[in-house]
Protein backbone atom coordinates (compact mmCIF):
# COMPACT_ATOMS: atom_id res chain seq x y z
CA MET A 1 165.59 199.07 81.90
CA THR A 2 162.80 200.42 84.10
CA THR A 3 160.75 197.26 83.62
CA ARG A 4 163.67 195.10 84.71
CA VAL A 5 164.25 197.08 87.89
CA LEU A 6 160.57 197.09 88.81
CA PHE A 7 160.34 193.37 88.10
CA LEU A 8 163.27 192.66 90.42
CA ILE A 9 161.59 194.69 93.15
CA ALA A 10 158.32 192.82 92.56
CA VAL A 11 160.10 189.46 92.78
CA MET A 12 161.37 190.32 96.25
CA PHE A 13 157.87 191.26 97.48
CA GLY A 14 156.15 188.34 95.71
CA PRO A 15 156.07 185.94 98.69
CA ILE A 16 154.60 188.64 100.92
CA PHE A 17 151.78 189.35 98.47
CA ALA A 18 151.22 185.64 97.85
CA SER A 19 150.59 185.08 101.56
CA MET A 20 147.56 187.39 101.47
CA PRO A 21 144.32 185.53 100.74
CA PRO A 22 142.35 186.64 97.65
CA TRP A 23 139.26 187.42 99.72
CA ALA A 24 141.29 190.09 101.54
CA THR A 25 142.66 191.84 98.46
CA GLY A 26 139.69 191.51 96.08
CA PRO A 27 137.27 193.90 97.81
CA THR A 28 140.01 196.49 98.22
CA LEU A 29 140.81 196.45 94.51
CA ILE A 30 137.12 196.71 93.61
CA LEU A 31 136.70 199.64 96.00
CA LEU A 32 139.67 201.45 94.46
CA VAL A 33 138.26 200.99 90.95
CA ILE A 34 134.88 202.35 92.08
CA LEU A 35 136.48 205.33 93.82
CA ASP A 36 138.48 206.11 90.69
CA ALA A 37 135.30 206.03 88.59
CA LEU A 38 133.54 208.36 91.05
CA THR A 39 135.85 211.20 90.07
CA GLU A 40 134.58 211.09 86.48
CA ILE A 41 130.88 211.55 87.34
CA ASN A 42 129.33 214.93 86.63
CA TRP A 43 128.28 215.79 90.19
CA ARG A 44 127.14 219.33 89.30
CA TYR A 45 124.03 218.38 87.30
CA ILE A 46 121.15 216.61 89.03
CA GLY A 47 120.30 214.56 85.93
CA ASP A 48 123.66 212.81 86.23
CA THR A 49 124.03 212.87 90.01
CA ILE A 50 120.87 211.04 91.08
CA PRO A 51 121.17 208.06 88.68
CA SER A 52 124.87 207.68 89.46
CA PHE A 53 124.21 207.61 93.18
CA LEU A 54 121.36 205.14 92.68
CA VAL A 55 123.63 202.73 90.80
CA ILE A 56 126.31 203.01 93.48
CA ALA A 57 123.78 202.38 96.25
CA PHE A 58 121.61 199.78 94.49
CA VAL A 59 124.32 197.36 93.35
CA PRO A 60 125.37 196.26 96.88
CA PHE A 61 121.78 196.10 98.13
CA SER A 62 120.51 194.01 95.22
CA TYR A 63 123.66 191.81 95.04
CA ASN A 64 123.45 192.21 91.26
CA VAL A 65 125.35 194.64 89.05
CA ALA A 66 122.84 194.29 86.22
CA TYR A 67 119.92 195.35 88.42
CA GLY A 68 121.86 198.39 89.58
CA ILE A 69 122.66 199.43 86.02
CA ILE A 70 119.05 198.90 84.92
CA ALA A 71 117.77 201.00 87.82
CA GLY A 72 120.28 203.74 86.99
CA MET A 73 119.32 203.75 83.30
CA LEU A 74 115.62 203.96 84.09
CA LEU A 75 116.11 206.77 86.59
CA TYR A 76 118.50 208.57 84.23
CA THR A 77 115.89 208.51 81.47
CA THR A 78 113.10 209.58 83.81
CA VAL A 79 114.99 212.48 85.39
CA ASN A 80 116.31 213.85 82.11
CA VAL A 81 112.91 213.57 80.38
CA LEU A 82 111.26 215.41 83.28
CA VAL A 83 113.91 218.14 83.20
CA ALA A 84 113.58 218.50 79.41
CA LEU A 85 109.78 218.64 79.62
CA THR A 86 109.94 221.25 82.37
CA VAL A 87 112.29 223.43 80.34
CA ARG A 88 110.25 223.00 77.16
CA ILE A 89 106.83 223.59 78.75
CA SER A 90 108.01 226.66 80.66
CA GLY A 91 109.70 228.08 77.57
CA GLY A 92 113.10 228.03 79.26
CA ARG A 93 112.00 230.02 82.31
CA LEU A 94 112.27 227.03 84.65
CA GLU A 95 115.57 225.19 84.58
CA SER A 96 117.13 222.89 87.11
CA GLU A 97 120.04 224.23 89.09
CA ASN A 98 123.30 223.99 87.14
CA TYR A 99 121.44 223.07 83.95
CA ASP A 100 124.32 224.62 82.02
CA PHE A 101 126.66 221.89 83.31
CA LYS A 102 124.61 219.19 81.59
CA GLU A 103 126.73 216.86 79.46
CA TYR A 104 126.26 217.44 75.74
CA TRP A 105 125.24 213.86 74.89
CA THR A 106 122.23 213.83 77.23
């Protein structure tokens, strides 16, 4: 029943949405998907924050999603290896801020 009612409402607004060009709606939908994904990033731990920000910033500047992901993966590995080495060499005395918020799979 709900699907039928929503479909009837959508049919009435169909011509209005069809008049909008795809180049006007596409970037908005992509932006909304990116903003939704931003809420799932662990912003408390620096090992997750810096690579995530790099991917977000590098993709538009390089005009290539693959290059952004590669840059993020390389920086993610580098940052987390440096943090792990610092903790191991110092015997646990030196930890990055909010090290306890680190995701368990990293």
